[in-house]
Amino acid sequence: MLIFPMKKEWYEKIRSGEKMIEYRELKAYWSKRIFNELKRELKKRYPNSKNKIEALRLQEFLEMTKEDSIVFEPVDLFTLQGIFRLGYGAERLSAIITKIEIANGKDTDLNIDKPVYVIHFKVGV
């Protein structure tokens, strides 16, 4: 499960349904979290394929994650769960992550000229 601490402004937009995409800068911290969650879900879905799943390497994943690429899009294999938390408190919203892609952050909430993870989700599913 991926957990996203949020500022109140963004949390309220997610709660109201106004915001359905979250952006995180493509850094090692988020790459590791996404990679580990994908691997964990694969292990749950395919418990007898341990060797193939263990063969997944973070370095290969990082090399795959280039701008304008899709990192995750479910094809009935498994789903990713997300939790949006108001700060680091107890208030939270659960969501299903429907797609993760990489794009330039210029025209996003982050407004940075760097690659970002674009995380699409549905709340309350």
C-alpha atoms as a PDB file:
ATOM      1  CA  MET A   1       0.000   0.000   0.000  1.00  0.00           C
ATOM      2  CA  LEU A   2       1.351   3.398  -0.971  1.00  0.00           C
ATOM      3  CA  ILE A   3       0.805   6.142   1.606  1.00  0.00           C
ATOM      4  CA  PHE A   4       0.720   9.790   0.550  1.00  0.00           C
ATOM      5  CA  PRO A   5       0.896  12.428   3.292  1.00  0.00           C
ATOM      6  CA  MET A   6      -0.944  15.515   2.008  1.00  0.00           C
ATOM      7  CA  LYS A   7      -1.328  19.173   2.843  1.00  0.00           C
ATOM      8  CA  LYS A   8      -4.888  20.174   3.764  1.00  0.00           C
ATOM      9  CA  GLU A   9      -5.539  22.017   0.460  1.00  0.00           C
ATOM     10  CA  TRP A  10      -4.803  18.931  -1.664  1.00  0.00           C
ATOM     11  CA  TYR A  11      -6.434  16.500   0.756  1.00  0.00           C
ATOM     12  CA  GLU A  12      -9.702  18.463   0.630  1.00  0.00           C
ATOM     13  CA  LYS A  13      -9.608  18.516  -3.186  1.00  0.00           C
ATOM     14  CA  ILE A  14      -9.201  14.745  -3.223  1.00  0.00           C
ATOM     15  CA  ARG A  15     -12.035  14.313  -0.704  1.00  0.00           C
ATOM     16  CA  SER A  16     -14.373  16.496  -2.806  1.00  0.00           C
ATOM     17  CA  GLY A  17     -13.515  14.581  -5.988  1.00  0.00           C
ATOM     18  CA  GLU A  18     -11.946  17.644  -7.618  1.00  0.00           C
ATOM     19  CA  LYS A  19      -8.464  16.061  -7.682  1.00  0.00           C
ATOM     20  CA  MET A  20      -7.984  12.546  -9.085  1.00  0.00           C
ATOM     21  CA  ILE A  21      -4.287  12.664  -9.968  1.00  0.00           C
ATOM     22  CA  GLU A  22      -1.383  12.990  -7.553  1.00  0.00           C
ATOM     23  CA  TYR A  23       2.131  14.030  -8.575  1.00  0.00           C
ATOM     24  CA  ARG A  24       5.406  13.067  -6.933  1.00  0.00           C
ATOM     25  CA  GLU A  25       8.854  14.015  -8.169  1.00  0.00           C
ATOM     26  CA  LEU A  26      10.760  11.123  -9.713  1.00  0.00           C
ATOM     27  CA  LYS A  27      13.357  10.559  -7.026  1.00  0.00           C
ATOM     28  CA  ALA A  28      14.894   7.416  -5.570  1.00  0.00           C
ATOM     29  CA  TYR A  29      12.558   7.620  -2.538  1.00  0.00           C
ATOM     30  CA  TRP A  30       9.358   7.279  -4.608  1.00  0.00           C
ATOM     31  CA  SER A  31      10.906   4.920  -7.146  1.00  0.00           C
ATOM     32  CA  LYS A  32      11.827   2.483  -4.364  1.00  0.00           C
ATOM     33  CA  ARG A  33       8.396   2.715  -2.757  1.00  0.00           C
ATOM     34  CA  ILE A  34       6.560   2.129  -6.044  1.00  0.00           C
ATOM     35  CA  PHE A  35       8.918  -0.686  -7.064  1.00  0.00           C
ATOM     36  CA  ASN A  36       8.599  -2.451  -3.704  1.00  0.00           C
ATOM     37  CA  GLU A  37       4.805  -2.156  -3.764  1.00  0.00           C
ATOM     38  CA  LEU A  38       4.599  -3.582  -7.291  1.00  0.00           C
ATOM     39  CA  LYS A  39       6.840  -6.467  -6.239  1.00  0.00           C
ATOM     40  CA  ARG A  40       4.807  -7.106  -3.061  1.00  0.00           C
ATOM     41  CA  GLU A  41       1.547  -7.232  -5.012  1.00  0.00           C
ATOM     42  CA  LEU A  42       3.052  -9.585  -7.609  1.00  0.00           C
ATOM     43  CA  LYS A  43       4.150 -11.934  -4.814  1.00  0.00           C
ATOM     44  CA  LYS A  44       0.606 -11.977  -3.423  1.00  0.00           C
ATOM     45  CA  ARG A  45      -0.937 -12.622  -6.827  1.00  0.00           C
ATOM     46  CA  TYR A  46       1.609 -15.218  -7.978  1.00  0.00           C
ATOM     47  CA  PRO A  47       2.930 -16.982  -4.861  1.00  0.00           C
ATOM     48  CA  ASN A  48       4.465 -19.851  -6.862  1.00  0.00           C
ATOM     49  CA  SER A  49       6.549 -17.583  -9.105  1.00  0.00           C
ATOM     50  CA  LYS A  50       8.987 -16.554  -6.389  1.00  0.00           C
ATOM     51  CA  ASN A  51      12.139 -16.851  -8.529  1.00  0.00           C
ATOM     52  CA  LYS A  52      10.757 -14.691 -11.351  1.00  0.00           C
ATOM     53  CA  ILE A  53       9.526 -12.035  -8.955  1.00  0.00           C
ATOM     54  CA  GLU A  54      12.780 -12.029  -6.992  1.00  0.00           C
ATOM     55  CA  ALA A  55      14.601 -11.493 -10.296  1.00  0.00           C
ATOM     56  CA  LEU A  56      13.041  -8.047 -10.541  1.00  0.00           C
ATOM     57  CA  ARG A  57      15.743  -5.553  -9.673  1.00  0.00           C
ATOM     58  CA  LEU A  58      15.373  -1.960  -8.629  1.00  0.00           C
ATOM     59  CA  GLN A  59      18.143  -0.859 -10.995  1.00  0.00           C
ATOM     60  CA  GLU A  60      16.332  -2.349 -13.994  1.00  0.00           C
ATOM     61  CA  PHE A  61      13.116  -0.691 -12.847  1.00  0.00           C
ATOM     62  CA  LEU A  62      14.859   2.677 -12.577  1.00  0.00           C
ATOM     63  CA  GLU A  63      16.302   2.282 -16.073  1.00  0.00           C
ATOM     64  CA  MET A  64      12.802   1.544 -17.410  1.00  0.00           C
ATOM     65  CA  THR A  65      11.258   4.614 -15.830  1.00  0.00           C
ATOM     66  CA  LYS A  66      11.863   7.236 -18.455  1.00  0.00           C
ATOM     67  CA  GLU A  67       9.757  10.302 -19.165  1.00  0.00           C
ATOM     68  CA  ASP A  68       6.548   9.657 -21.139  1.00  0.00           C
ATOM     69  CA  SER A  69       6.354   6.023 -20.059  1.00  0.00           C
ATOM     70  CA  ILE A  70       3.720   4.057 -18.181  1.00  0.00           C
ATOM     71  CA  VAL A  71       5.015   2.427 -15.014  1.00  0.00           C
ATOM     72  CA  PHE A  72       1.843   0.654 -13.925  1.00  0.00           C
ATOM     73  CA  GLU A  73      -1.550   0.034 -15.468  1.00  0.00           C
ATOM     74  CA  PRO A  74      -3.548  -2.923 -14.179  1.00  0.00           C
ATOM     75  CA  VAL A  75      -4.560  -5.586 -16.661  1.00  0.00           C
ATOM     76  CA  ASP A  76      -6.541  -7.740 -14.217  1.00  0.00           C
ATOM     77  CA  LEU A  77      -3.248  -8.918 -12.698  1.00  0.00           C
ATOM     78  CA  PHE A  78      -3.539  -7.004  -9.446  1.00  0.00           C
ATOM     79  CA  THR A  79      -4.427  -3.606  -8.066  1.00  0.00           C
ATOM     80  CA  LEU A  80      -2.432  -1.140  -6.034  1.00  0.00           C
ATOM     81  CA  GLN A  81      -3.929   0.396  -2.918  1.00  0.00           C
ATOM     82  CA  GLY A  82      -3.265   3.961  -1.888  1.00  0.00           C
ATOM     83  CA  ILE A  83      -3.897   5.915   1.290  1.00  0.00           C
ATOM     84  CA  PHE A  84      -4.057   9.705   1.283  1.00  0.00           C
ATOM     85  CA  ARG A  85      -3.417  11.078   4.774  1.00  0.00           C
ATOM     86  CA  LEU A  86      -3.994  14.575   6.025  1.00  0.00           C
ATOM     87  CA  GLY A  87      -0.458  15.364   7.128  1.00  0.00           C
ATOM     88  CA  TYR A  88       0.766  12.636   9.447  1.00  0.00           C
ATOM     89  CA  GLY A  89      -2.477  12.423  11.424  1.00  0.00           C
ATOM     90  CA  ALA A  90      -5.183   9.776  11.546  1.00  0.00           C
ATOM     91  CA  GLU A  91      -7.532  11.294   8.942  1.00  0.00           C
ATOM     92  CA  ARG A  92      -7.237   9.349   5.699  1.00  0.00           C
ATOM     93  CA  LEU A  93      -8.894   8.389   2.424  1.00  0.00           C
ATOM     94  CA  SER A  94      -8.394   5.028   0.755  1.00  0.00           C
ATOM     95  CA  ALA A  95      -8.042   4.712  -2.999  1.00  0.00           C
ATOM     96  CA  ILE A  96      -7.283   2.316  -5.818  1.00  0.00           C
ATOM     97  CA  ILE A  97      -4.386   3.400  -8.016  1.00  0.00           C
ATOM     98  CA  THR A  98      -5.473   2.978 -11.624  1.00  0.00           C
ATOM     99  CA  LYS A  99      -2.330   4.077 -13.424  1.00  0.00           C
ATOM    100  CA  ILE A 100       1.172   5.390 -12.769  1.00  0.00           C
ATOM    101  CA  GLU A 101       3.062   7.121 -15.526  1.00  0.00           C
ATOM    102  CA  ILE A 102       5.995   9.489 -15.860  1.00  0.00           C
ATOM    103  CA  ALA A 103       5.753  12.933 -17.403  1.00  0.00           C
ATOM    104  CA  ASN A 104       7.374  16.339 -17.207  1.00  0.00           C
ATOM    105  CA  GLY A 105       6.261  18.180 -14.088  1.00  0.00           C
ATOM    106  CA  LYS A 106       5.981  21.589 -15.747  1.00  0.00           C
ATOM    107  CA  ASP A 107       2.197  21.512 -16.189  1.00  0.00           C
ATOM    108  CA  THR A 108       1.389  19.742 -12.924  1.00  0.00           C
ATOM    109  CA  ASP A 109       0.612  20.815  -9.359  1.00  0.00           C
ATOM    110  CA  LEU A 110       4.361  20.632  -8.686  1.00  0.00           C
ATOM    111  CA  ASN A 111       5.225  23.064 -11.506  1.00  0.00           C
ATOM    112  CA  ILE A 112       8.810  21.792 -11.894  1.00  0.00           C
ATOM    113  CA  ASP A 113      10.780  21.127 -15.063  1.00  0.00           C
ATOM    114  CA  LYS A 114      11.718  17.594 -13.998  1.00  0.00           C
ATOM    115  CA  PRO A 115      10.180  14.146 -14.485  1.00  0.00           C
ATOM    116  CA  VAL A 116       7.368  13.304 -12.077  1.00  0.00           C
ATOM    117  CA  TYR A 117       5.256  10.268 -11.272  1.00  0.00           C
ATOM    118  CA  VAL A 118       1.666  10.892 -12.366  1.00  0.00           C
ATOM    119  CA  ILE A 119      -0.513   8.755 -10.106  1.00  0.00           C
ATOM    120  CA  HIS A 120      -4.135   8.303 -11.211  1.00  0.00           C
ATOM    121  CA  PHE A 121      -6.572   7.012  -8.599  1.00  0.00           C
ATOM    122  CA  LYS A 122     -10.187   6.428  -7.573  1.00  0.00           C
ATOM    123  CA  VAL A 123     -11.122   7.270  -3.996  1.00  0.00           C
ATOM    124  CA  GLY A 124     -13.459   5.168  -1.906  1.00  0.00           C
ATOM    125  CA  VAL A 125     -13.439   2.137  -4.178  1.00  0.00           C
END
